[in-house]
Amino acid sequence: NIISEGTLIINKNKEELVIGNGNVFECGARIEAAKINDYNVFGAKCHVMSGALIGTGCVICPRVMIIAKKRIRDCMVVFG
């Protein structure tokens, strides 16, 4: 995993936060997800809210917000 400066990884759940292999967290990303699988890219200043589930091979583009408890399926690109 590559974690850039200013990235916050916060566990707000009672369960253990699981982060897979090969993930990239760019500058200023805020991650509160419940589970993150392998080989994802989290763009600069993106925000993944509490309880979200991130699949494998996903791209969360810069400044995108994933709302709480949302499931992002494998190989999805989220932009806006």
Protein backbone atom coordinates (compact mmCIF):
# COMPACT_ATOMS: atom_id res chain seq x y z
CA ASN A 1 0.00 0.00 0.00
CA ILE A 2 1.07 3.58 -0.68
CA ILE A 3 -0.20 6.25 1.69
CA SER A 4 0.55 9.88 0.76
CA GLU A 5 0.89 12.81 3.13
CA GLY A 6 -2.25 14.21 4.72
CA THR A 7 -4.22 10.98 4.34
CA LEU A 8 -6.52 10.10 7.24
CA ILE A 9 -7.55 6.48 7.80
CA ILE A 10 -10.12 6.34 10.59
CA ASN A 11 -11.92 3.30 12.01
CA LYS A 12 -15.32 4.40 13.37
CA ASN A 13 -16.70 0.84 13.52
CA LYS A 14 -16.51 -1.64 16.35
CA GLU A 15 -15.11 -4.28 13.99
CA GLU A 16 -11.54 -4.40 12.72
CA LEU A 17 -10.82 -2.26 9.64
CA VAL A 18 -9.46 -4.50 6.87
CA ILE A 19 -7.31 -2.95 4.14
CA GLY A 20 -6.09 -5.23 1.35
CA ASN A 21 -2.86 -5.09 -0.66
CA GLY A 22 -1.71 -2.76 -3.43
CA ASN A 23 -3.92 0.23 -2.58
CA VAL A 24 -2.90 3.84 -3.29
CA PHE A 25 -4.15 6.65 -1.03
CA GLU A 26 -3.37 10.05 -2.56
CA CYS A 27 -2.85 13.36 -0.71
CA GLY A 28 -5.59 14.43 1.66
CA ALA A 29 -7.82 11.36 1.24
CA ARG A 30 -10.12 10.71 4.20
CA ILE A 31 -10.99 7.03 4.59
CA GLU A 32 -13.57 5.77 7.12
CA ALA A 33 -14.58 2.61 5.21
CA ALA A 34 -15.47 -0.66 6.92
CA LYS A 35 -13.48 -2.77 4.42
CA ILE A 36 -11.15 -2.09 1.49
CA ASN A 37 -10.13 -4.92 -0.82
CA ASP A 38 -7.04 -4.99 -3.08
CA TYR A 39 -5.60 -2.73 -5.82
CA ASN A 40 -7.73 0.40 -5.38
CA VAL A 41 -6.82 4.04 -5.99
CA PHE A 42 -8.22 6.77 -3.76
CA GLY A 43 -7.81 10.20 -5.36
CA ALA A 44 -6.65 13.37 -3.66
CA LYS A 45 -9.12 14.78 -1.12
CA CYS A 46 -11.69 12.05 -1.68
CA HIS A 47 -13.87 11.11 1.30
CA VAL A 48 -15.09 7.56 1.92
CA MET A 49 -17.64 7.74 4.73
CA SER A 50 -18.13 5.31 7.59
CA GLY A 51 -19.31 1.79 6.85
CA ALA A 52 -18.60 1.88 3.09
CA LEU A 53 -17.36 -1.32 1.44
CA ILE A 54 -14.83 -0.95 -1.38
CA GLY A 55 -14.31 -3.86 -3.79
CA THR A 56 -11.18 -4.80 -5.76
CA GLY A 57 -9.63 -2.71 -8.54
CA CYS A 58 -11.74 0.42 -7.93
CA VAL A 59 -10.83 4.03 -8.59
CA ILE A 60 -12.31 6.76 -6.41
CA CYS A 61 -11.48 9.99 -8.27
CA PRO A 62 -10.22 13.17 -6.57
CA ARG A 63 -12.72 15.13 -4.43
CA VAL A 64 -15.41 12.42 -4.69
CA MET A 65 -17.49 11.52 -1.62
CA ILE A 66 -18.72 7.96 -1.08
CA ILE A 67 -21.71 8.12 1.28
CA ALA A 68 -21.98 6.03 4.46
CA LYS A 69 -22.66 2.29 4.11
CA LYS A 70 -22.42 2.37 0.29
CA ARG A 71 -20.97 -0.69 -1.48
CA ILE A 72 -18.65 -0.08 -4.42
CA ARG A 73 -18.44 -3.25 -6.51
CA ASP A 74 -15.25 -4.63 -8.07
CA CYS A 75 -13.58 -2.67 -10.92
CA MET A 76 -15.79 0.43 -10.58
CA VAL A 77 -14.63 3.97 -11.31
CA VAL A 78 -16.45 6.65 -9.28
CA PHE A 79 -16.18 10.24 -10.52
CA GLY A 80 -18.27 13.36 -10.57
